[in-house]
Amino acid sequence: MISPRTTALVCCWKSLVLAGLAGLLATGCKTYEQQNKVIRHWQQGNLTEAVAEANKQATSNAKNKDAIVWRLEQGAVLRAAGLYADSNLAFDQAEAKIDKYAQKAKVRVGQEAGALLSNQANLDYEGRSYDGIMLNTYKALNYLATGQTEKARPEIIHAYQRQQDAVEANKKRIEEAREAVEASKDRTTIDKARNDDKLQSQLAGATAGLDQVKSYADYVNPFTVYLDGLYFLANAADASDLERAHKSLERVTAFAPENPFVKQDLAMADEAIQGRALPALTYVIFETGCAPSRGQIRVDIPIIVSKVSYVGAAFPTLKLQDNYTSSLTVTAGGNSATTALIASMDGIVATDFKNEQPVMISKTIAATVIKAVAAYAANEAARQSGGDLGGLLMQIGTAVYQIAVNIADERTWTTLPKEFQVARIPTPADRKIDLTTPNGMKTSVTVSDGTVNVVYVKSINTGTPLLVSQFKLK
């Protein structure tokens, strides 16, 4: 006789199987990378289409699990198009959701349970640590671009604070994941799968090559720290602001020890503390390339569960984007300077990815084990109630469902740059500067009438034109 619990389990799996088949037919198991048309237009340098697609995706996904990541993409694309107010509106909407998740950790607990019979890609995207840091950094730059210098101040402070908060938040995530596995009735099976040598060898491919990427202290974004230093140096209201500027620039010299311009800025901060006025300078901030995207590897999980046709999981990988302009030469008034690295977003994203990996592996394996055990129980219950044919049909159905939901979480902010670089020169008397890329692309700019000016240059890849804007720091 079949128990009510077993009958309920069979009904549950029938529903899941139907949902998996429906999803498979409707979307073809599309991952975020496959759905993301924004980055395709972006990499082609077609800002008009990128903006249209970003607006479309942000609107249609405004209330679902992917709302944050699409608002981030939208904010970055609108910013590149010079639509600064609209960009900040998109970032405001993303920030409100990110902060809400941060304040309501219990939301995640309920969702994690629901993901155990699905996958991590079906959880709400809550924003990664570097997302929040860059979000506030871009909001500050948008305010500076529109002449709202004082509104940039709290955004820079918030971006700086997020870096401090991220370390503790990551420790908490790792501990929560460990406790969840410890509490699971399938803990022994999960541990066996996680410690399997073959599985560990396959997972090593997810981080292959990342050890060669420049790394920073956990969750530090040197560009954000550098902007903090420049802002408070140029807009110091009192001695404490100058001390803050000095401290930030001193930190950046440790992150970018070979950058001569940061050393000059630090010396200038020393002089400012002693009462010397800032000279007439023009900074060129160069934002180049595209940040890493995410792909996936599919791995067979070493669990022997009879009458289960498929036991596997998909894990995310990080894919570096190498089509980028390596530097920018700035020429003005007989002086010439080449931009130097301030921050590698590759390194920032890779550090976050490696920090996240233990949690991601634990959650994915736990979900895979639970689905496999549940599938086995459902197959057995179907065989008892429907004979060998019923058992076979359920076995096929559970296999199809597991394949349908076996996708990694590939969501990531793809319109971030690969690197931030900087150069500084004395502002020429005629206020004209030339910007030249290694492949000969040249742009001329007339600098505004500020004492400390910033010419902001963005290059998406070597084949797209430079996007140039400017603002005054002082």
Protein backbone atom coordinates (compact mmCIF):
# COMPACT_ATOMS: atom_id res chain seq x y z
CA MET A 1 0.00 0.00 0.00
CA ILE A 2 1.31 3.43 -0.95
CA SER A 3 1.52 5.94 1.87
CA PRO A 4 -0.02 9.43 1.59
CA ARG A 5 3.50 10.91 1.80
CA THR A 6 4.69 8.83 -1.15
CA THR A 7 1.62 9.74 -3.17
CA ALA A 8 2.25 13.41 -2.47
CA LEU A 9 5.89 13.01 -3.54
CA VAL A 10 4.85 11.45 -6.84
CA CYS A 11 2.37 14.28 -7.46
CA CYS A 12 5.06 16.81 -6.62
CA TRP A 13 7.49 15.29 -9.08
CA LYS A 14 4.81 15.10 -11.78
CA SER A 15 4.30 18.84 -11.40
CA LEU A 16 8.03 19.49 -11.44
CA VAL A 17 8.52 17.31 -14.50
CA LEU A 18 5.79 19.17 -16.37
CA ALA A 19 7.30 22.50 -15.33
CA GLY A 20 10.74 21.37 -16.44
CA LEU A 21 9.45 20.23 -19.82
CA ALA A 22 7.51 23.46 -20.27
CA GLY A 23 10.59 25.50 -19.42
CA LEU A 24 12.74 23.40 -21.73
CA LEU A 25 10.37 23.95 -24.64
CA ALA A 26 9.77 27.63 -23.92
CA THR A 27 13.32 28.83 -23.30
CA GLY A 28 15.59 26.03 -24.38
CA CYS A 29 17.19 26.31 -20.92
CA LYS A 30 18.61 29.72 -21.80
CA THR A 31 21.19 31.09 -19.42
CA TYR A 32 21.71 34.78 -18.67
CA GLU A 33 24.59 34.92 -21.14
CA GLN A 34 22.37 33.52 -23.90
CA GLN A 35 19.55 35.97 -23.10
CA ASN A 36 21.79 39.03 -22.81
CA LYS A 37 21.40 40.97 -26.06
CA VAL A 38 22.55 44.15 -24.32
CA ILE A 39 26.17 43.00 -24.21
CA ARG A 40 26.08 42.01 -27.88
CA HIS A 41 25.02 45.51 -28.97
CA TRP A 42 27.43 46.98 -26.42
CA GLN A 43 30.44 45.08 -27.76
CA GLN A 44 29.54 46.15 -31.30
CA GLY A 45 29.59 49.78 -30.18
CA ASN A 46 25.90 50.19 -31.00
CA LEU A 47 24.83 52.36 -28.06
CA THR A 48 21.40 53.14 -29.50
CA GLU A 49 20.41 49.47 -29.62
CA ALA A 50 22.14 48.72 -26.32
CA VAL A 51 20.13 51.45 -24.60
CA ALA A 52 16.86 50.26 -26.18
CA GLU A 53 17.49 46.65 -25.18
CA ALA A 54 18.64 47.57 -21.67
CA ASN A 55 15.51 49.67 -21.11
CA LYS A 56 13.35 46.84 -22.43
CA GLN A 57 14.94 44.18 -20.21
CA ALA A 58 14.99 46.39 -17.11
CA THR A 59 11.30 47.17 -17.52
CA SER A 60 10.13 43.63 -18.28
CA ASN A 61 12.19 42.16 -15.41
CA ALA A 62 11.48 44.96 -12.91
CA LYS A 63 9.58 42.71 -10.50
CA ASN A 64 11.24 39.34 -10.94
CA LYS A 65 14.39 37.58 -9.71
CA ASP A 66 16.64 39.28 -12.29
CA ALA A 67 15.55 42.87 -11.57
CA ILE A 68 18.83 44.02 -10.02
CA VAL A 69 21.22 42.76 -12.67
CA TRP A 70 19.16 44.31 -15.49
CA ARG A 71 18.97 47.65 -13.67
CA LEU A 72 22.77 47.58 -13.32
CA GLU A 73 23.20 46.89 -17.03
CA GLN A 74 20.70 49.64 -17.80
CA GLY A 75 22.46 52.15 -15.55
CA ALA A 76 25.87 51.53 -17.13
CA VAL A 77 24.58 51.74 -20.71
CA LEU A 78 22.62 54.94 -20.05
CA ARG A 79 25.70 56.45 -18.40
CA ALA A 80 27.85 55.65 -21.44
CA ALA A 81 25.21 57.30 -23.64
CA GLY A 82 25.47 60.48 -21.54
CA LEU A 83 21.99 60.07 -20.05
CA TYR A 84 23.21 60.67 -16.52
CA ALA A 85 19.90 61.41 -14.78
CA ASP A 86 18.27 58.31 -16.28
CA SER A 87 21.36 56.30 -15.38
CA ASN A 88 21.12 57.34 -11.74
CA LEU A 89 17.42 56.50 -11.70
CA ALA A 90 18.27 52.96 -12.82
CA PHE A 91 21.05 52.72 -10.23
CA ASP A 92 18.68 54.05 -7.53
CA GLN A 93 16.23 51.25 -8.31
CA ALA A 94 18.97 48.63 -8.21
CA GLU A 95 20.36 50.05 -4.97
CA ALA A 96 16.97 50.02 -3.24
CA LYS A 97 16.62 46.29 -3.94
CA ILE A 98 20.23 45.48 -3.01
CA ASP A 99 19.85 47.27 0.32
CA LYS A 100 16.50 45.60 0.97
CA TYR A 101 18.04 42.14 0.56
CA ALA A 102 20.95 43.11 2.79
CA GLN A 103 18.53 44.16 5.53
CA LYS A 104 16.26 41.14 5.24
CA ALA A 105 18.48 38.08 5.35
CA LYS A 106 15.45 35.87 6.13
CA VAL A 107 14.21 36.33 2.56
CA ARG A 108 17.18 34.34 1.35
CA VAL A 109 16.49 31.43 3.69
CA GLY A 110 13.04 30.78 2.23
CA GLN A 111 14.29 31.06 -1.31
CA GLU A 112 17.20 28.68 -0.72
CA ALA A 113 14.72 25.97 0.21
CA GLY A 114 12.86 26.54 -3.04
CA ALA A 115 16.07 26.34 -5.04
CA LEU A 116 16.89 22.87 -3.75
CA LEU A 117 14.61 21.31 -6.36
CA SER A 118 15.66 23.82 -9.00
CA ASN A 119 18.99 25.72 -9.24
CA GLN A 120 20.85 28.80 -7.99
CA ALA A 121 19.92 30.71 -11.16
CA ASN A 122 16.30 30.63 -9.99
CA LEU A 123 17.08 32.55 -6.81
CA ASP A 124 16.75 36.32 -6.72
CA TYR A 125 19.90 38.08 -7.87
CA GLU A 126 20.75 40.11 -4.76
CA GLY A 127 23.83 41.90 -6.10
CA ARG A 128 27.46 41.00 -5.53
CA SER A 129 29.76 43.06 -3.34
CA TYR A 130 31.45 44.82 -6.25
CA ASP A 131 28.04 45.62 -7.76
CA GLY A 132 27.12 47.86 -4.85
CA ILE A 133 30.55 49.48 -4.74
CA MET A 134 30.54 50.28 -8.47
CA LEU A 135 26.89 51.36 -8.38
CA ASN A 136 27.65 54.14 -5.90
CA THR A 137 30.89 54.99 -7.70
CA TYR A 138 29.03 55.47 -10.97
CA LYS A 139 26.31 57.49 -9.26
CA ALA A 140 29.00 59.83 -7.92
CA LEU A 141 30.53 60.16 -11.39
CA ASN A 142 27.10 60.89 -12.86
CA TYR A 143 26.59 63.71 -10.36
CA LEU A 144 30.04 65.10 -11.14
CA ALA A 145 29.27 64.93 -14.87
CA THR A 146 26.18 67.08 -14.33
CA GLY A 147 27.94 69.60 -12.09
CA GLN A 148 26.27 68.39 -8.88
CA THR A 149 29.53 68.14 -6.98
CA GLU A 150 28.07 68.03 -3.47
CA LYS A 151 25.67 65.21 -4.36
CA ALA A 152 28.68 63.11 -5.31
CA ARG A 153 30.06 63.27 -1.75
CA PRO A 154 27.61 60.86 -0.02
CA GLU A 155 27.83 58.42 -2.94
CA ILE A 156 31.62 58.27 -2.65
CA ILE A 157 31.36 57.78 1.09
CA HIS A 158 28.76 55.03 0.62
CA ALA A 159 30.89 53.25 -1.98
CA TYR A 160 33.85 53.34 0.40
CA GLN A 161 31.74 51.97 3.26
CA ARG A 162 30.43 49.10 1.16
CA GLN A 163 34.00 47.84 0.85
CA GLN A 164 34.28 47.63 4.63
CA ASP A 165 30.91 45.87 5.01
CA ALA A 166 31.57 43.27 2.28
CA VAL A 167 34.21 41.34 4.23
CA GLU A 168 31.86 40.61 7.13
CA ALA A 169 28.96 39.84 4.78
CA ASN A 170 31.04 37.21 2.95
CA LYS A 171 32.03 35.53 6.22
CA LYS A 172 28.34 35.32 7.11
CA ARG A 173 27.41 33.76 3.74
CA ILE A 174 30.08 31.07 4.11
CA GLU A 175 28.96 30.26 7.65
CA GLU A 176 25.28 30.06 6.62
CA ALA A 177 26.12 27.67 3.79
CA ARG A 178 28.21 25.50 6.11
CA GLU A 179 25.42 25.36 8.68
CA ALA A 180 22.85 24.44 6.02
CA VAL A 181 24.95 21.48 4.86
CA GLU A 182 25.62 20.41 8.47
CA ALA A 183 21.88 20.39 9.17
CA SER A 184 20.94 18.41 6.06
CA LYS A 185 19.86 14.81 6.51
CA ASP A 186 21.86 14.08 3.32
CA ARG A 187 25.04 15.54 4.81
CA THR A 188 27.09 12.36 4.40
CA THR A 189 26.22 12.06 0.71
CA ILE A 190 26.87 15.78 0.16
CA ASP A 191 30.28 15.57 1.84
CA LYS A 192 31.18 12.48 -0.17
CA ALA A 193 30.30 14.20 -3.43
CA ARG A 194 32.02 17.46 -2.53
CA ASN A 195 35.29 15.74 -1.57
CA ASP A 196 35.44 13.46 -4.60
CA ASP A 197 38.82 13.83 -6.35
CA LYS A 198 37.35 13.64 -9.84
CA LEU A 199 34.78 16.33 -9.04
CA GLN A 200 37.45 18.59 -7.55
CA SER A 201 39.58 18.13 -10.66
CA GLN A 202 36.68 19.12 -12.91
CA LEU A 203 35.84 22.14 -10.75
CA ALA A 204 39.42 23.36 -11.02
CA GLY A 205 38.55 24.25 -14.60
CA ALA A 206 36.10 26.87 -13.32
CA THR A 207 38.98 29.01 -12.05
CA ALA A 208 41.60 28.05 -14.62
CA GLY A 209 43.79 31.04 -15.44
CA LEU A 210 42.41 33.26 -12.70
CA ASP A 211 45.58 32.96 -10.63
CA GLN A 212 47.32 35.02 -13.33
CA VAL A 213 44.88 37.90 -12.84
CA LYS A 214 45.92 40.78 -10.60
CA SER A 215 44.31 40.39 -7.19
CA TYR A 216 43.52 42.83 -4.42
CA ALA A 217 42.59 42.61 -0.78
CA ASP A 218 39.08 41.19 -0.44
CA TYR A 219 36.39 43.50 -1.85
CA VAL A 220 38.65 46.51 -2.35
CA ASN A 221 38.09 48.49 -5.53
CA PRO A 222 41.19 50.69 -6.00
CA PHE A 223 39.40 52.93 -8.50
CA THR A 224 36.74 53.77 -5.93
CA VAL A 225 39.45 54.50 -3.37
CA TYR A 226 41.28 56.67 -5.92
CA LEU A 227 38.15 58.64 -6.76
CA ASP A 228 37.63 59.12 -3.02
CA GLY A 229 41.13 60.58 -2.74
CA LEU A 230 40.81 62.91 -5.72
CA TYR A 231 37.37 64.13 -4.71
CA PHE A 232 38.25 65.00 -1.12
CA LEU A 233 41.56 66.54 -2.20
CA ALA A 234 39.89 68.85 -4.72
CA ASN A 235 36.79 69.56 -2.62
CA ALA A 236 38.18 69.62 0.90
CA ALA A 237 35.91 71.47 3.29
CA ASP A 238 38.34 71.15 6.19
CA ALA A 239 41.52 69.47 7.40
CA SER A 240 39.75 66.15 7.97
CA ASP A 241 38.82 65.98 4.27
CA LEU A 242 42.48 66.51 3.34
CA GLU A 243 43.51 63.77 5.75
CA ARG A 244 40.91 61.47 4.19
CA ALA A 245 42.25 62.27 0.72
CA HIS A 246 45.80 61.56 1.84
CA LYS A 247 44.83 58.23 3.40
CA SER A 248 42.93 57.09 0.29
CA LEU A 249 45.75 58.05 -2.09
CA GLU A 250 48.25 56.33 0.18
CA ARG A 251 46.16 53.14 -0.01
CA VAL A 252 46.06 53.33 -3.80
CA THR A 253 49.86 53.52 -4.02
CA ALA A 254 49.89 50.07 -2.41
CA PHE A 255 47.36 48.73 -4.96
CA ALA A 256 49.08 50.36 -7.95
CA PRO A 257 52.75 50.73 -6.92
CA GLU A 258 53.96 51.24 -10.49
CA ASN A 259 51.55 54.08 -11.25
CA PRO A 260 53.57 57.35 -11.25
CA PHE A 261 50.49 59.58 -11.26
CA VAL A 262 49.18 58.29 -7.93
CA LYS A 263 52.54 59.02 -6.33
CA GLN A 264 52.35 62.57 -7.68
CA ASP A 265 48.82 62.90 -6.27
CA LEU A 266 49.99 61.69 -2.86
CA ALA A 267 52.78 64.28 -2.86
CA MET A 268 50.24 66.92 -3.87
CA ALA A 269 48.03 65.89 -0.94
CA ASP A 270 51.01 66.39 1.40
CA GLU A 271 51.45 69.88 -0.02
CA ALA A 272 47.75 70.67 0.33
CA ILE A 273 47.84 69.67 4.00
CA GLN A 274 50.67 72.21 4.39
CA GLY A 275 48.48 74.87 2.84
CA ARG A 276 49.64 74.93 -0.77
CA ALA A 277 46.94 75.46 -3.44
CA LEU A 278 46.32 72.81 -6.08
CA PRO A 279 47.90 73.48 -9.49
CA ALA A 280 45.94 73.57 -12.76
CA LEU A 281 45.69 69.92 -13.74
CA THR A 282 43.84 67.78 -16.22
CA TYR A 283 43.20 64.13 -15.41
CA VAL A 284 42.34 61.58 -18.06
CA ILE A 285 40.44 58.65 -16.59
CA PHE A 286 40.37 55.77 -19.04
CA GLU A 287 37.74 53.04 -18.69
CA THR A 288 38.61 50.25 -21.12
CA GLY A 289 37.27 46.88 -22.22
CA CYS A 290 34.59 44.66 -20.72
CA ALA A 291 34.51 42.86 -17.38
CA PRO A 292 34.44 39.04 -17.27
CA SER A 293 31.28 37.24 -18.28
CA ARG A 294 30.14 33.91 -16.87
CA GLY A 295 29.85 30.60 -18.63
CA GLN A 296 29.29 27.14 -17.20
CA ILE A 297 30.73 23.67 -16.96
CA ARG A 298 28.54 20.60 -16.51
CA VAL A 299 29.84 18.02 -14.08
CA ASP A 300 28.62 14.52 -13.24
CA ILE A 301 28.10 14.25 -9.51
CA PRO A 302 29.62 11.07 -8.04
CA ILE A 303 26.48 9.77 -6.35
CA ILE A 304 25.24 6.27 -7.02
CA VAL A 305 21.46 6.34 -6.76
CA SER A 306 19.78 3.46 -8.54
CA LYS A 307 16.95 4.08 -10.98
CA VAL A 308 17.96 7.74 -11.40
CA SER A 309 19.00 8.32 -15.00
CA TYR A 310 20.85 11.59 -14.56
CA VAL A 311 22.80 13.06 -11.66
CA GLY A 312 24.75 16.15 -12.64
CA ALA A 313 25.22 19.81 -11.89
CA ALA A 314 26.31 22.96 -13.68
CA PHE A 315 28.85 25.29 -12.12
CA PRO A 316 29.68 28.82 -13.29
CA THR A 317 33.01 29.72 -14.87
CA LEU A 318 34.56 33.14 -15.36
CA LYS A 319 35.49 34.18 -18.89
CA LEU A 320 37.91 37.07 -19.35
CA GLN A 321 37.35 39.46 -22.26
CA ASP A 322 40.62 40.22 -24.08
CA ASN A 323 39.48 42.54 -26.87
CA TYR A 324 40.36 45.88 -25.29
CA THR A 325 42.46 49.00 -25.84
CA SER A 326 45.52 48.56 -23.67
CA SER A 327 46.29 52.24 -22.99
CA LEU A 328 45.76 55.83 -24.09
CA THR A 329 48.40 58.44 -24.87
CA VAL A 330 47.61 62.00 -23.79
CA THR A 331 49.40 64.86 -25.56
CA ALA A 332 49.06 68.54 -24.68
CA GLY A 333 51.24 71.68 -24.68
CA GLY A 334 54.38 69.75 -25.54
CA ASN A 335 53.78 67.21 -22.77
CA SER A 336 52.88 63.57 -23.28
CA ALA A 337 51.69 60.89 -20.85
CA THR A 338 50.40 57.34 -21.17
CA THR A 339 47.61 56.10 -18.94
CA ALA A 340 48.59 53.68 -16.18
CA LEU A 341 46.54 51.06 -14.37
CA ILE A 342 44.55 52.07 -11.31
CA ALA A 343 42.26 49.05 -10.96
CA SER A 344 41.65 45.78 -12.76
CA MET A 345 37.97 44.86 -12.71
CA ASP A 346 39.12 41.41 -13.87
CA GLY A 347 40.96 41.12 -10.56
CA ILE A 348 38.07 42.49 -8.52
CA VAL A 349 35.52 40.17 -10.13
CA ALA A 350 37.88 37.17 -9.97
CA THR A 351 38.53 37.72 -6.26
CA ASP A 352 34.80 37.87 -5.59
CA PHE A 353 34.25 34.75 -7.73
CA LYS A 354 36.88 32.75 -5.84
CA ASN A 355 35.50 33.93 -2.49
CA GLU A 356 32.00 32.92 -3.57
CA GLN A 357 33.03 29.52 -4.93
CA PRO A 358 32.96 27.48 -1.68
CA VAL A 359 29.42 28.68 -0.95
CA MET A 360 28.30 28.12 -4.55
CA ILE A 361 29.76 24.60 -4.67
CA SER A 362 28.15 23.62 -1.36
CA LYS A 363 24.73 24.93 -2.40
CA THR A 364 24.85 23.36 -5.86
CA ILE A 365 25.97 19.95 -4.62
CA ALA A 366 23.39 20.00 -1.82
CA ALA A 367 20.63 20.83 -4.30
CA THR A 368 21.83 18.11 -6.68
CA VAL A 369 21.92 15.47 -3.97
CA ILE A 370 18.45 16.37 -2.72
CA LYS A 371 17.03 16.27 -6.26
CA ALA A 372 18.67 12.89 -6.90
CA VAL A 373 17.33 11.37 -3.68
CA ALA A 374 13.87 12.80 -4.32
CA ALA A 375 13.93 11.52 -7.89
CA TYR A 376 14.83 8.05 -6.66
CA ALA A 377 11.91 8.08 -4.21
CA ALA A 378 9.52 9.33 -6.88
CA ASN A 379 10.69 6.69 -9.36
CA GLU A 380 10.18 3.94 -6.82
CA ALA A 381 6.75 5.25 -5.84
CA ALA A 382 5.70 5.46 -9.50
CA ARG A 383 6.89 1.91 -10.10
CA GLN A 384 4.87 0.66 -7.15
CA SER A 385 1.72 2.43 -8.25
CA GLY A 386 2.05 2.11 -12.02
CA GLY A 387 4.21 -0.95 -12.53
CA ASP A 388 7.41 -1.06 -14.56
CA LEU A 389 5.97 1.20 -17.27
CA GLY A 390 4.94 3.84 -14.73
CA GLY A 391 8.35 3.63 -13.10
CA LEU A 392 10.09 3.96 -16.47
CA LEU A 393 8.02 6.99 -17.47
CA MET A 394 8.70 8.70 -14.16
CA GLN A 395 12.41 7.84 -14.47
CA ILE A 396 12.51 9.47 -17.89
CA GLY A 397 10.52 12.45 -16.64
CA THR A 398 12.73 13.09 -13.61
CA ALA A 399 15.82 12.85 -15.82
CA VAL A 400 14.38 15.37 -18.28
CA TYR A 401 13.45 17.71 -15.46
CA GLN A 402 16.91 17.58 -13.90
CA ILE A 403 18.55 18.24 -17.26
CA ALA A 404 16.15 21.15 -17.83
CA VAL A 405 17.11 22.85 -14.57
CA ASN A 406 20.79 21.94 -14.72
CA ILE A 407 22.10 25.39 -15.57
CA ALA A 408 24.59 27.50 -13.66
CA ASP A 409 23.92 31.00 -12.41
CA GLU A 410 25.58 33.06 -15.14
CA ARG A 411 24.12 36.39 -14.06
CA THR A 412 26.77 39.08 -13.75
CA TRP A 413 27.12 42.78 -14.56
CA THR A 414 28.63 42.50 -18.04
CA THR A 415 28.83 46.20 -19.00
CA LEU A 416 31.45 47.00 -16.39
CA PRO A 417 34.93 47.71 -17.81
CA LYS A 418 37.97 45.48 -17.75
CA GLU A 419 40.30 48.16 -16.36
CA PHE A 420 40.44 51.68 -15.00
CA GLN A 421 43.54 53.67 -15.92
CA VAL A 422 44.61 57.28 -15.33
CA ALA A 423 47.03 59.94 -16.55
CA ARG A 424 47.51 63.55 -15.43
CA ILE A 425 49.14 66.51 -17.12
CA PRO A 426 49.38 70.25 -16.45
CA THR A 427 46.43 71.90 -18.16
CA PRO A 428 47.84 73.52 -21.34
CA ALA A 429 47.40 77.25 -21.99
CA ASP A 430 45.26 76.58 -25.07
CA ARG A 431 43.29 73.91 -23.11
CA LYS A 432 43.55 71.47 -26.01
CA ILE A 433 44.61 67.85 -25.57
CA ASP A 434 44.89 64.92 -27.98
CA LEU A 435 44.00 61.33 -27.06
CA THR A 436 45.56 58.54 -29.12
CA THR A 437 45.09 54.76 -28.89
CA PRO A 438 47.82 52.22 -29.77
CA ASN A 439 46.04 51.46 -33.07
CA GLY A 440 46.13 55.13 -34.10
CA MET A 441 42.59 56.22 -33.22
CA LYS A 442 42.82 59.91 -32.30
CA THR A 443 40.42 62.31 -30.57
CA SER A 444 40.94 65.99 -29.73
CA VAL A 445 39.34 67.60 -26.68
CA THR A 446 39.05 71.20 -25.48
CA VAL A 447 39.30 71.12 -21.70
CA SER A 448 36.77 73.10 -19.65
CA ASP A 449 37.74 76.12 -17.53
CA GLY A 450 38.15 74.40 -14.16
CA THR A 451 41.29 74.29 -12.04
CA VAL A 452 41.16 70.50 -11.72
CA ASN A 453 39.51 68.93 -14.76
CA VAL A 454 38.69 65.34 -15.58
CA VAL A 455 38.41 64.07 -19.14
CA TYR A 456 36.59 60.75 -18.90
CA VAL A 457 37.24 58.34 -21.78
CA LYS A 458 35.55 55.00 -22.37
CA SER A 459 36.63 52.35 -24.88
CA ILE A 460 34.49 49.22 -25.14
CA ASN A 461 36.92 47.37 -27.43
CA THR A 462 39.57 48.08 -30.04
CA GLY A 463 37.04 48.43 -32.86
CA THR A 464 34.65 50.91 -31.25
CA PRO A 465 35.08 54.71 -31.09
CA LEU A 466 36.16 56.45 -27.90
CA LEU A 467 33.34 57.88 -25.78
CA VAL A 468 34.58 61.15 -24.27
CA SER A 469 33.04 63.39 -21.61
CA GLN A 470 34.45 65.74 -18.99
CA PHE A 471 33.73 67.46 -15.69
CA LYS A 472 35.38 69.75 -13.16
CA LEU A 473 36.59 68.52 -9.81
CA LYS A 474 37.45 72.08 -8.77
